[in-house]
Amino acid sequence: NHQTGKPRQIQTMEIGNGKTVLRLASGEVLSLDTLSSSSEEGVY
């Protein structure tokens, strides 16, 4: 857990910078990891 050398653990690459996102029809991108509530483009 405290090794200073190169870890054996695989470092994975993730889409969306590792976050779940909502891409609105307008092109605006919202992070669903932090979104609480919002009214956007006819939808709540």
PDB file of all heavy atoms in Angstrom:
ATOM      1  N   ASN A   1       0.810  -1.214   0.000  1.00  0.00           N
ATOM      2  CA  ASN A   1       0.000   0.000   0.000  1.00  0.00           C
ATOM      3  C   ASN A   1       0.847   1.270   0.000  1.00  0.00           C
ATOM      4  O   ASN A   1       0.356   2.354  -0.256  1.00  0.00           O
ATOM      5  CB  ASN A   1      -0.917   0.031   1.228  1.00  0.00           C
ATOM      6  CG  ASN A   1      -2.018  -0.997   1.143  1.00  0.00           C
ATOM      7  OD1 ASN A   1      -2.401  -1.397   0.060  1.00  0.00           O
ATOM      8  ND2 ASN A   1      -2.518  -1.432   2.285  1.00  0.00           N
ATOM      9  N   HIS A   2       2.169   1.167   0.356  1.00  0.00           N
ATOM     10  CA  HIS A   2       3.014   2.344   0.468  1.00  0.00           C
ATOM     11  C   HIS A   2       4.282   2.231  -0.374  1.00  0.00           C
ATOM     12  O   HIS A   2       5.261   2.903  -0.121  1.00  0.00           O
ATOM     13  CB  HIS A   2       3.404   2.578   1.932  1.00  0.00           C
ATOM     14  CG  HIS A   2       2.234   2.797   2.813  1.00  0.00           C
ATOM     15  ND1 HIS A   2       1.441   1.771   3.281  1.00  0.00           N
ATOM     16  CD2 HIS A   2       1.700   3.941   3.313  1.00  0.00           C
ATOM     17  CE1 HIS A   2       0.483   2.274   4.057  1.00  0.00           C
ATOM     18  NE2 HIS A   2       0.615   3.580   4.087  1.00  0.00           N
ATOM     19  N   GLN A   3       4.260   1.365  -1.381  1.00  0.00           N
ATOM     20  CA  GLN A   3       5.476   1.156  -2.160  1.00  0.00           C
ATOM     21  C   GLN A   3       5.840   2.407  -2.939  1.00  0.00           C
ATOM     22  O   GLN A   3       4.999   3.162  -3.369  1.00  0.00           O
ATOM     23  CB  GLN A   3       5.298  -0.015  -3.124  1.00  0.00           C
ATOM     24  CG  GLN A   3       4.102   0.139  -4.084  1.00  0.00           C
ATOM     25  CD  GLN A   3       3.935  -1.069  -4.935  1.00  0.00           C
ATOM     26  OE1 GLN A   3       4.900  -1.682  -5.353  1.00  0.00           O
ATOM     27  NE2 GLN A   3       2.712  -1.428  -5.235  1.00  0.00           N
ATOM     28  N   THR A   4       7.163   2.611  -3.115  1.00  0.00           N
ATOM     29  CA  THR A   4       7.629   3.792  -3.831  1.00  0.00           C
ATOM     30  C   THR A   4       8.038   3.465  -5.252  1.00  0.00           C
ATOM     31  O   THR A   4       8.243   4.352  -6.059  1.00  0.00           O
ATOM     32  CB  THR A   4       8.837   4.412  -3.101  1.00  0.00           C
ATOM     33  OG1 THR A   4       9.864   3.409  -2.977  1.00  0.00           O
ATOM     34  CG2 THR A   4       8.433   4.899  -1.719  1.00  0.00           C
ATOM     35  N   GLY A   5       8.157   2.197  -5.572  1.00  0.00           N
ATOM     36  CA  GLY A   5       8.526   1.804  -6.919  1.00  0.00           C
ATOM     37  C   GLY A   5       7.325   1.794  -7.837  1.00  0.00           C
ATOM     38  O   GLY A   5       6.233   2.215  -7.493  1.00  0.00           O
ATOM     39  N   LYS A   6       7.495   1.278  -9.033  1.00  0.00           N
ATOM     40  CA  LYS A   6       6.422   1.231 -10.013  1.00  0.00           C
ATOM     41  C   LYS A   6       5.357   0.237  -9.572  1.00  0.00           C
ATOM     42  O   LYS A   6       5.641  -0.928  -9.338  1.00  0.00           O
ATOM     43  CB  LYS A   6       6.982   0.809 -11.377  1.00  0.00           C
ATOM     44  CG  LYS A   6       5.936   0.861 -12.484  1.00  0.00           C
ATOM     45  CD  LYS A   6       6.572   0.523 -13.811  1.00  0.00           C
ATOM     46  CE  LYS A   6       5.549   0.556 -14.934  1.00  0.00           C
ATOM     47  NZ  LYS A   6       6.143   0.227 -16.226  1.00  0.00           N
ATOM     48  N   PRO A   7       4.094   0.641  -9.439  1.00  0.00           N
ATOM     49  CA  PRO A   7       3.048  -0.255  -8.958  1.00  0.00           C
ATOM     50  C   PRO A   7       2.692  -1.304  -9.979  1.00  0.00           C
ATOM     51  O   PRO A   7       2.805  -1.102 -11.184  1.00  0.00           O
ATOM     52  CB  PRO A   7       1.865   0.692  -8.700  1.00  0.00           C
ATOM     53  CG  PRO A   7       2.094   1.830  -9.637  1.00  0.00           C
ATOM     54  CD  PRO A   7       3.589   1.973  -9.725  1.00  0.00           C
ATOM     55  N   ARG A   8       2.252  -2.447  -9.466  1.00  0.00           N
ATOM     56  CA  ARG A   8       1.814  -3.528 -10.352  1.00  0.00           C
ATOM     57  C   ARG A   8       0.420  -3.246 -10.900  1.00  0.00           C
ATOM     58  O   ARG A   8       0.026  -3.752 -11.936  1.00  0.00           O
ATOM     59  CB  ARG A   8       1.808  -4.833  -9.551  1.00  0.00           C
ATOM     60  CG  ARG A   8       1.490  -6.089 -10.348  1.00  0.00           C
ATOM     61  CD  ARG A   8       1.740  -7.317  -9.505  1.00  0.00           C
ATOM     62  NE  ARG A   8       1.489  -8.539 -10.226  1.00  0.00           N
ATOM     63  CZ  ARG A   8       0.452  -9.329 -10.015  1.00  0.00           C
ATOM     64  NH1 ARG A   8      -0.446  -8.993  -9.124  1.00  0.00           N
ATOM     65  NH2 ARG A   8       0.301 -10.450 -10.693  1.00  0.00           N
ATOM     66  N   GLN A   9      -0.324  -2.407 -10.180  1.00  0.00           N
ATOM     67  CA  GLN A   9      -1.693  -2.118 -10.566  1.00  0.00           C
ATOM     68  C   GLN A   9      -1.770  -1.490 -11.958  1.00  0.00           C
ATOM     69  O   GLN A   9      -1.017  -0.580 -12.289  1.00  0.00           O
ATOM     70  CB  GLN A   9      -2.328  -1.166  -9.545  1.00  0.00           C
ATOM     71  CG  GLN A   9      -3.711  -0.670  -9.929  1.00  0.00           C
ATOM     72  CD  GLN A   9      -4.708  -1.801  -9.956  1.00  0.00           C
ATOM     73  OE1 GLN A   9      -4.689  -2.663  -9.087  1.00  0.00           O
ATOM     74  NE2 GLN A   9      -5.552  -1.816 -10.954  1.00  0.00           N
ATOM     75  N   ILE A  10      -2.679  -1.982 -12.769  1.00  0.00           N
ATOM     76  CA  ILE A  10      -2.879  -1.410 -14.097  1.00  0.00           C
ATOM     77  C   ILE A  10      -3.499  -0.023 -13.972  1.00  0.00           C
ATOM     78  O   ILE A  10      -4.457   0.183 -13.243  1.00  0.00           O
ATOM     79  CB  ILE A  10      -3.818  -2.318 -14.926  1.00  0.00           C
ATOM     80  CG1 ILE A  10      -3.156  -3.668 -15.194  1.00  0.00           C
ATOM     81  CG2 ILE A  10      -4.192  -1.658 -16.247  1.00  0.00           C
ATOM     82  CD1 ILE A  10      -1.918  -3.594 -16.027  1.00  0.00           C
ATOM     83  N   GLN A  11      -2.950   0.950 -14.681  1.00  0.00           N
ATOM     84  CA  GLN A  11      -3.522   2.286 -14.701  1.00  0.00           C
ATOM     85  C   GLN A  11      -4.468   2.373 -15.896  1.00  0.00           C
ATOM     86  O   GLN A  11      -4.044   2.445 -17.039  1.00  0.00           O
ATOM     87  CB  GLN A  11      -2.410   3.339 -14.824  1.00  0.00           C
ATOM     88  CG  GLN A  11      -1.399   3.271 -13.689  1.00  0.00           C
ATOM     89  CD  GLN A  11      -2.057   3.561 -12.360  1.00  0.00           C
ATOM     90  OE1 GLN A  11      -2.863   4.477 -12.242  1.00  0.00           O
ATOM     91  NE2 GLN A  11      -1.713   2.778 -11.348  1.00  0.00           N
ATOM     92  N   THR A  12      -5.767   2.359 -15.639  1.00  0.00           N
ATOM     93  CA  THR A  12      -6.738   2.323 -16.724  1.00  0.00           C
ATOM     94  C   THR A  12      -7.010   3.718 -17.274  1.00  0.00           C
ATOM     95  O   THR A  12      -6.937   4.711 -16.569  1.00  0.00           O
ATOM     96  CB  THR A  12      -8.075   1.718 -16.255  1.00  0.00           C
ATOM     97  OG1 THR A  12      -8.585   2.516 -15.183  1.00  0.00           O
ATOM     98  CG2 THR A  12      -7.880   0.306 -15.777  1.00  0.00           C
ATOM     99  N   MET A  13      -7.348   3.757 -18.555  1.00  0.00           N
ATOM    100  CA  MET A  13      -7.750   4.996 -19.199  1.00  0.00           C
ATOM    101  C   MET A  13      -9.272   5.014 -19.228  1.00  0.00           C
ATOM    102  O   MET A  13      -9.911   4.002 -19.458  1.00  0.00           O
ATOM    103  CB  MET A  13      -7.205   5.058 -20.622  1.00  0.00           C
ATOM    104  CG  MET A  13      -5.689   5.012 -20.705  1.00  0.00           C
ATOM    105  SD  MET A  13      -5.111   4.797 -22.388  1.00  0.00           S
ATOM    106  CE  MET A  13      -5.835   6.218 -23.200  1.00  0.00           C
ATOM    107  N   GLU A  14      -9.863   6.177 -18.977  1.00  0.00           N
ATOM    108  CA  GLU A  14     -11.316   6.243 -18.885  1.00  0.00           C
ATOM    109  C   GLU A  14     -11.860   7.317 -19.819  1.00  0.00           C
ATOM    110  O   GLU A  14     -11.262   8.366 -19.995  1.00  0.00           O
ATOM    111  CB  GLU A  14     -11.747   6.543 -17.446  1.00  0.00           C
ATOM    112  CG  GLU A  14     -11.315   5.446 -16.472  1.00  0.00           C
ATOM    113  CD  GLU A  14     -11.771   5.716 -15.065  1.00  0.00           C
ATOM    114  OE1 GLU A  14     -12.004   6.899 -14.736  1.00  0.00           O
ATOM    115  OE2 GLU A  14     -11.893   4.753 -14.303  1.00  0.00           O
ATOM    116  N   ILE A  15     -13.034   7.038 -20.414  1.00  0.00           N
ATOM    117  CA  ILE A  15     -13.673   8.032 -21.250  1.00  0.00           C
ATOM    118  C   ILE A  15     -14.307   9.079 -20.352  1.00  0.00           C
ATOM    119  O   ILE A  15     -14.582   8.839 -19.186  1.00  0.00           O
ATOM    120  CB  ILE A  15     -14.746   7.393 -22.167  1.00  0.00           C
ATOM    121  CG1 ILE A  15     -15.873   6.770 -21.324  1.00  0.00           C
ATOM    122  CG2 ILE A  15     -14.152   6.383 -23.097  1.00  0.00           C
ATOM    123  CD1 ILE A  15     -17.030   6.287 -22.153  1.00  0.00           C
ATOM    124  N   GLY A  16     -14.570  10.278 -20.905  1.00  0.00           N
ATOM    125  CA  GLY A  16     -15.209  11.316 -20.127  1.00  0.00           C
ATOM    126  C   GLY A  16     -14.400  11.721 -18.900  1.00  0.00           C
ATOM    127  O   GLY A  16     -14.956  12.120 -17.891  1.00  0.00           O
ATOM    128  N   ASN A  17     -13.067  11.607 -18.987  1.00  0.00           N
ATOM    129  CA  ASN A  17     -12.194  11.938 -17.866  1.00  0.00           C
ATOM    130  C   ASN A  17     -12.560  11.156 -16.610  1.00  0.00           C
ATOM    131  O   ASN A  17     -12.390  11.631 -15.492  1.00  0.00           O
ATOM    132  CB  ASN A  17     -12.254  13.445 -17.581  1.00  0.00           C
ATOM    133  CG  ASN A  17     -11.683  14.266 -18.715  1.00  0.00           C
ATOM    134  OD1 ASN A  17     -10.687  13.877 -19.303  1.00  0.00           O
ATOM    135  ND2 ASN A  17     -12.314  15.373 -19.043  1.00  0.00           N
ATOM    136  N   GLY A  18     -13.086   9.948 -16.791  1.00  0.00           N
ATOM    137  CA  GLY A  18     -13.411   9.109 -15.649  1.00  0.00           C
ATOM    138  C   GLY A  18     -14.717   9.483 -14.984  1.00  0.00           C
ATOM    139  O   GLY A  18     -15.019   8.984 -13.909  1.00  0.00           O
ATOM    140  N   LYS A  19     -15.513  10.363 -15.582  1.00  0.00           N
ATOM    141  CA  LYS A  19     -16.764  10.805 -14.980  1.00  0.00           C
ATOM    142  C   LYS A  19     -17.946  10.467 -15.884  1.00  0.00           C
ATOM    143  O   LYS A  19     -17.832  10.479 -17.105  1.00  0.00           O
ATOM    144  CB  LYS A  19     -16.728  12.317 -14.729  1.00  0.00           C
ATOM    145  CG  LYS A  19     -15.632  12.768 -13.777  1.00  0.00           C
ATOM    146  CD  LYS A  19     -15.640  14.277 -13.625  1.00  0.00           C
ATOM    147  CE  LYS A  19     -14.536  14.738 -12.673  1.00  0.00           C
ATOM    148  NZ  LYS A  19     -14.530  16.213 -12.525  1.00  0.00           N
ATOM    149  N   THR A  20     -19.084  10.172 -15.258  1.00  0.00           N
ATOM    150  CA  THR A  20     -20.308  10.005 -16.021  1.00  0.00           C
ATOM    151  C   THR A  20     -20.808  11.391 -16.407  1.00  0.00           C
ATOM    152  O   THR A  20     -20.929  12.273 -15.551  1.00  0.00           O
ATOM    153  CB  THR A  20     -21.377   9.285 -15.188  1.00  0.00           C
ATOM    154  OG1 THR A  20     -20.868   8.009 -14.793  1.00  0.00           O
ATOM    155  CG2 THR A  20     -22.649   9.073 -16.008  1.00  0.00           C
ATOM    156  N   VAL A  21     -21.085  11.591 -17.693  1.00  0.00           N
ATOM    157  CA  VAL A  21     -21.479  12.916 -18.158  1.00  0.00           C
ATOM    158  C   VAL A  21     -22.784  12.853 -18.935  1.00  0.00           C
ATOM    159  O   VAL A  21     -23.163  11.808 -19.484  1.00  0.00           O
ATOM    160  CB  VAL A  21     -20.386  13.556 -19.041  1.00  0.00           C
ATOM    161  CG1 VAL A  21     -19.095  13.734 -18.252  1.00  0.00           C
ATOM    162  CG2 VAL A  21     -20.143  12.719 -20.296  1.00  0.00           C
ATOM    163  N   LEU A  22     -23.470  13.987 -18.966  1.00  0.00           N
ATOM    164  CA  LEU A  22     -24.671  14.163 -19.782  1.00  0.00           C
ATOM    165  C   LEU A  22     -24.361  15.217 -20.823  1.00  0.00           C
ATOM    166  O   LEU A  22     -24.037  16.366 -20.487  1.00  0.00           O
ATOM    167  CB  LEU A  22     -25.850  14.604 -18.914  1.00  0.00           C
ATOM    168  CG  LEU A  22     -27.118  15.005 -19.681  1.00  0.00           C
ATOM    169  CD1 LEU A  22     -27.707  13.807 -20.430  1.00  0.00           C
ATOM    170  CD2 LEU A  22     -28.155  15.603 -18.737  1.00  0.00           C
ATOM    171  N   ARG A  23     -24.427  14.828 -22.086  1.00  0.00           N
ATOM    172  CA  ARG A  23     -24.218  15.771 -23.188  1.00  0.00           C
ATOM    173  C   ARG A  23     -25.590  16.212 -23.677  1.00  0.00           C
ATOM    174  O   ARG A  23     -26.351  15.409 -24.248  1.00  0.00           O
ATOM    175  CB  ARG A  23     -23.418  15.118 -24.326  1.00  0.00           C
ATOM    176  CG  ARG A  23     -22.021  14.697 -23.911  1.00  0.00           C
ATOM    177  CD  ARG A  23     -21.192  14.196 -25.080  1.00  0.00           C
ATOM    178  NE  ARG A  23     -19.891  13.726 -24.640  1.00  0.00           N
ATOM    179  CZ  ARG A  23     -18.834  14.525 -24.452  1.00  0.00           C
ATOM    180  NH1 ARG A  23     -18.946  15.812 -24.699  1.00  0.00           N
ATOM    181  NH2 ARG A  23     -17.688  14.032 -24.031  1.00  0.00           N
ATOM    182  N   LEU A  24     -25.919  17.462 -23.458  1.00  0.00           N
ATOM    183  CA  LEU A  24     -27.213  17.991 -23.871  1.00  0.00           C
ATOM    184  C   LEU A  24     -27.249  18.223 -25.374  1.00  0.00           C
ATOM    185  O   LEU A  24     -26.209  18.290 -26.029  1.00  0.00           O
ATOM    186  CB  LEU A  24     -27.504  19.289 -23.131  1.00  0.00           C
ATOM    187  CG  LEU A  24     -27.626  19.165 -21.603  1.00  0.00           C
ATOM    188  CD1 LEU A  24     -27.696  20.543 -20.968  1.00  0.00           C
ATOM    189  CD2 LEU A  24     -28.842  18.337 -21.237  1.00  0.00           C
ATOM    190  N   ALA A  25     -28.461  18.344 -25.897  1.00  0.00           N
ATOM    191  CA  ALA A  25     -28.615  18.555 -27.336  1.00  0.00           C
ATOM    192  C   ALA A  25     -27.882  19.804 -27.807  1.00  0.00           C
ATOM    193  O   ALA A  25     -27.417  19.876 -28.944  1.00  0.00           O
ATOM    194  CB  ALA A  25     -30.107  18.651 -27.680  1.00  0.00           C
ATOM    195  N   SER A  26     -27.744  20.781 -26.923  1.00  0.00           N
ATOM    196  CA  SER A  26     -27.064  22.031 -27.282  1.00  0.00           C
ATOM    197  C   SER A  26     -25.554  21.871 -27.364  1.00  0.00           C
ATOM    198  O   SER A  26     -24.861  22.747 -27.859  1.00  0.00           O
ATOM    199  CB  SER A  26     -27.391  23.096 -26.228  1.00  0.00           C
ATOM    200  OG  SER A  26     -26.874  22.707 -24.960  1.00  0.00           O
ATOM    201  N   GLY A  27     -25.041  20.756 -26.850  1.00  0.00           N
ATOM    202  CA  GLY A  27     -23.605  20.543 -26.818  1.00  0.00           C
ATOM    203  C   GLY A  27     -23.005  20.777 -25.445  1.00  0.00           C
ATOM    204  O   GLY A  27     -21.832  20.440 -25.198  1.00  0.00           O
ATOM    205  N   GLU A  28     -23.776  21.347 -24.524  1.00  0.00           N
ATOM    206  CA  GLU A  28     -23.287  21.571 -23.163  1.00  0.00           C
ATOM    207  C   GLU A  28     -23.086  20.224 -22.465  1.00  0.00           C
ATOM    208  O   GLU A  28     -23.882  19.301 -22.627  1.00  0.00           O
ATOM    209  CB  GLU A  28     -24.290  22.422 -22.370  1.00  0.00           C
ATOM    210  CG  GLU A  28     -23.822  22.745 -20.958  1.00  0.00           C
ATOM    211  CD  GLU A  28     -24.837  23.574 -20.187  1.00  0.00           C
ATOM    212  OE1 GLU A  28     -25.899  23.910 -20.766  1.00  0.00           O
ATOM    213  OE2 GLU A  28     -24.573  23.879 -19.006  1.00  0.00           O
ATOM    214  N   VAL A  29     -22.029  20.122 -21.672  1.00  0.00           N
ATOM    215  CA  VAL A  29     -21.701  18.879 -20.978  1.00  0.00           C
ATOM    216  C   VAL A  29     -21.827  19.095 -19.470  1.00  0.00           C
ATOM    217  O   VAL A  29     -21.234  20.009 -18.911  1.00  0.00           O
ATOM    218  CB  VAL A  29     -20.271  18.403 -21.318  1.00  0.00           C
ATOM    219  CG1 VAL A  29     -19.947  17.118 -20.566  1.00  0.00           C
ATOM    220  CG2 VAL A  29     -20.127  18.192 -22.821  1.00  0.00           C
ATOM    221  N   LEU A  30     -22.606  18.223 -18.812  1.00  0.00           N
ATOM    222  CA  LEU A  30     -22.800  18.291 -17.365  1.00  0.00           C
ATOM    223  C   LEU A  30     -22.199  17.046 -16.718  1.00  0.00           C
ATOM    224  O   LEU A  30     -22.376  15.929 -17.223  1.00  0.00           O
ATOM    225  CB  LEU A  30     -24.294  18.363 -17.023  1.00  0.00           C
ATOM    226  CG  LEU A  30     -25.089  19.520 -17.630  1.00  0.00           C
ATOM    227  CD1 LEU A  30     -26.564  19.386 -17.249  1.00  0.00           C
ATOM    228  CD2 LEU A  30     -24.545  20.861 -17.167  1.00  0.00           C
ATOM    229  N   SER A  31     -21.490  17.225 -15.618  1.00  0.00           N
ATOM    230  CA  SER A  31     -20.947  16.085 -14.878  1.00  0.00           C
ATOM    231  C   SER A  31     -22.021  15.549 -13.946  1.00  0.00           C
ATOM    232  O   SER A  31     -22.513  16.273 -13.071  1.00  0.00           O
ATOM    233  CB  SER A  31     -19.714  16.512 -14.069  1.00  0.00           C
ATOM    234  OG  SER A  31     -19.314  15.454 -13.204  1.00  0.00           O
ATOM    235  N   LEU A  32     -22.390  14.299 -14.111  1.00  0.00           N
ATOM    236  CA  LEU A  32     -23.430  13.704 -13.272  1.00  0.00           C
ATOM    237  C   LEU A  32     -22.883  13.270 -11.923  1.00  0.00           C
ATOM    238  O   LEU A  32     -23.653  12.885 -11.043  1.00  0.00           O
ATOM    239  CB  LEU A  32     -24.072  12.516 -13.999  1.00  0.00           C
ATOM    240  CG  LEU A  32     -24.807  12.890 -15.294  1.00  0.00           C
ATOM    241  CD1 LEU A  32     -25.444  11.659 -15.929  1.00  0.00           C
ATOM    242  CD2 LEU A  32     -25.861  13.953 -15.037  1.00  0.00           C
ATOM    243  N   ASP A  33     -21.558  13.310 -11.759  1.00  0.00           N
ATOM    244  CA  ASP A  33     -20.972  12.988 -10.462  1.00  0.00           C
ATOM    245  C   ASP A  33     -21.216  14.107  -9.453  1.00  0.00           C
ATOM    246  O   ASP A  33     -21.200  13.886  -8.243  1.00  0.00           O
ATOM    247  CB  ASP A  33     -19.464  12.747 -10.598  1.00  0.00           C
ATOM    248  CG  ASP A  33     -19.164  11.509 -11.426  1.00  0.00           C
ATOM    249  OD1 ASP A  33     -20.045  10.648 -11.521  1.00  0.00           O
ATOM    250  OD2 ASP A  33     -18.057  11.416 -11.971  1.00  0.00           O
ATOM    251  N   THR A  34     -21.447  15.324  -9.951  1.00  0.00           N
ATOM    252  CA  THR A  34     -21.628  16.467  -9.059  1.00  0.00           C
ATOM    253  C   THR A  34     -22.983  17.136  -9.231  1.00  0.00           C
ATOM    254  O   THR A  34     -23.386  17.930  -8.380  1.00  0.00           O
ATOM    255  CB  THR A  34     -20.528  17.511  -9.310  1.00  0.00           C
ATOM    256  OG1 THR A  34     -20.544  17.911 -10.696  1.00  0.00           O
ATOM    257  CG2 THR A  34     -19.153  16.942  -8.981  1.00  0.00           C
ATOM    258  N   LEU A  35     -23.704  16.844 -10.294  1.00  0.00           N
ATOM    259  CA  LEU A  35     -24.998  17.479 -10.554  1.00  0.00           C
ATOM    260  C   LEU A  35     -26.022  17.094  -9.501  1.00  0.00           C
ATOM    261  O   LEU A  35     -26.192  15.922  -9.171  1.00  0.00           O
ATOM    262  CB  LEU A  35     -25.504  17.091 -11.939  1.00  0.00           C
ATOM    263  CG  LEU A  35     -26.874  17.654 -12.323  1.00  0.00           C
ATOM    264  CD1 LEU A  35     -26.774  19.160 -12.566  1.00  0.00           C
ATOM    265  CD2 LEU A  35     -27.421  16.947 -13.562  1.00  0.00           C
ATOM    266  N   SER A  36     -26.717  18.081  -8.962  1.00  0.00           N
ATOM    267  CA  SER A  36     -27.806  17.829  -8.016  1.00  0.00           C
ATOM    268  C   SER A  36     -29.140  17.929  -8.730  1.00  0.00           C
ATOM    269  O   SER A  36     -29.921  16.982  -8.771  1.00  0.00           O
ATOM    270  CB  SER A  36     -27.745  18.827  -6.859  1.00  0.00           C
ATOM    271  OG  SER A  36     -28.844  18.640  -5.995  1.00  0.00           O
ATOM    272  N   SER A  37     -29.415  19.082  -9.322  1.00  0.00           N
ATOM    273  CA  SER A  37     -30.636  19.275 -10.104  1.00  0.00           C
ATOM    274  C   SER A  37     -30.395  20.415 -11.082  1.00  0.00           C
ATOM    275  O   SER A  37     -29.549  21.283 -10.861  1.00  0.00           O
ATOM    276  CB  SER A  37     -31.832  19.572  -9.202  1.00  0.00           C
ATOM    277  OG  SER A  37     -31.625  20.774  -8.487  1.00  0.00           O
ATOM    278  N   SER A  38     -31.182  20.412 -12.170  1.00  0.00           N
ATOM    279  CA  SER A  38     -31.006  21.441 -13.191  1.00  0.00           C
ATOM    280  C   SER A  38     -32.184  21.415 -14.147  1.00  0.00           C
ATOM    281  O   SER A  38     -32.796  20.360 -14.377  1.00  0.00           O
ATOM    282  CB  SER A  38     -29.703  21.209 -13.963  1.00  0.00           C
ATOM    283  OG  SER A  38     -29.511  22.205 -14.953  1.00  0.00           O
ATOM    284  N   SER A  39     -32.518  22.575 -14.681  1.00  0.00           N
ATOM    285  CA  SER A  39     -33.549  22.683 -15.716  1.00  0.00           C
ATOM    286  C   SER A  39     -32.852  23.059 -17.012  1.00  0.00           C
ATOM    287  O   SER A  39     -32.246  24.132 -17.106  1.00  0.00           O
ATOM    288  CB  SER A  39     -34.588  23.746 -15.348  1.00  0.00           C
ATOM    289  OG  SER A  39     -35.297  23.370 -14.191  1.00  0.00           O
ATOM    290  N   GLU A  40     -32.915  22.163 -17.987  1.00  0.00           N
ATOM    291  CA  GLU A  40     -32.186  22.369 -19.235  1.00  0.00           C
ATOM    292  C   GLU A  40     -33.042  21.963 -20.432  1.00  0.00           C
ATOM    293  O   GLU A  40     -33.585  20.855 -20.482  1.00  0.00           O
ATOM    294  CB  GLU A  40     -30.905  21.523 -19.256  1.00  0.00           C
ATOM    295  CG  GLU A  40     -29.971  21.722 -18.064  1.00  0.00           C
ATOM    296  CD  GLU A  40     -29.179  23.004 -18.124  1.00  0.00           C
ATOM    297  OE1 GLU A  40     -29.173  23.629 -19.199  1.00  0.00           O
ATOM    298  OE2 GLU A  40     -28.582  23.377 -17.111  1.00  0.00           O
ATOM    299  N   GLU A  41     -33.209  22.881 -21.393  1.00  0.00           N
ATOM    300  CA  GLU A  41     -33.779  22.563 -22.701  1.00  0.00           C
ATOM    301  C   GLU A  41     -35.073  21.753 -22.610  1.00  0.00           C
ATOM    302  O   GLU A  41     -35.210  20.695 -23.212  1.00  0.00           O
ATOM    303  CB  GLU A  41     -32.742  21.810 -23.543  1.00  0.00           C
ATOM    304  CG  GLU A  41     -31.462  22.606 -23.729  1.00  0.00           C
ATOM    305  CD  GLU A  41     -30.412  21.841 -24.505  1.00  0.00           C
ATOM    306  OE1 GLU A  41     -30.758  20.892 -25.222  1.00  0.00           O
ATOM    307  OE2 GLU A  41     -29.234  22.191 -24.386  1.00  0.00           O
ATOM    308  N   GLY A  42     -36.032  22.257 -21.828  1.00  0.00           N
ATOM    309  CA  GLY A  42     -37.332  21.603 -21.755  1.00  0.00           C
ATOM    310  C   GLY A  42     -37.369  20.374 -20.888  1.00  0.00           C
ATOM    311  O   GLY A  42     -38.341  19.616 -20.913  1.00  0.00           O
ATOM    312  N   VAL A  43     -36.295  20.129 -20.111  1.00  0.00           N
ATOM    313  CA  VAL A  43     -36.262  18.934 -19.273  1.00  0.00           C
ATOM    314  C   VAL A  43     -35.727  19.297 -17.883  1.00  0.00           C
ATOM    315  O   VAL A  43     -34.843  20.149 -17.748  1.00  0.00           O
ATOM    316  CB  VAL A  43     -35.385  17.835 -19.911  1.00  0.00           C
ATOM    317  CG1 VAL A  43     -33.941  18.277 -19.994  1.00  0.00           C
ATOM    318  CG2 VAL A  43     -35.505  16.525 -19.163  1.00  0.00           C
ATOM    319  N   TYR A  44     -36.313  18.690 -16.863  1.00  0.00           N
ATOM    320  CA  TYR A  44     -35.853  18.900 -15.493  1.00  0.00           C
ATOM    321  C   TYR A  44     -35.039  17.683 -15.078  1.00  0.00           C
ATOM    322  O   TYR A  44     -35.492  16.542 -15.201  1.00  0.00           O
ATOM    323  CB  TYR A  44     -37.043  19.089 -14.545  1.00  0.00           C
ATOM    324  CG  TYR A  44     -36.625  19.224 -13.093  1.00  0.00           C
ATOM    325  CD1 TYR A  44     -35.954  20.364 -12.647  1.00  0.00           C
ATOM    326  CD2 TYR A  44     -36.876  18.208 -12.179  1.00  0.00           C
ATOM    327  CE1 TYR A  44     -35.556  20.499 -11.328  1.00  0.00           C
ATOM    328  CE2 TYR A  44     -36.477  18.326 -10.848  1.00  0.00           C
ATOM    329  CZ  TYR A  44     -35.826  19.478 -10.432  1.00  0.00           C
ATOM    330  OH  TYR A  44     -35.421  19.596  -9.130  1.00  0.00           O
TER     331      TYR A  44
END
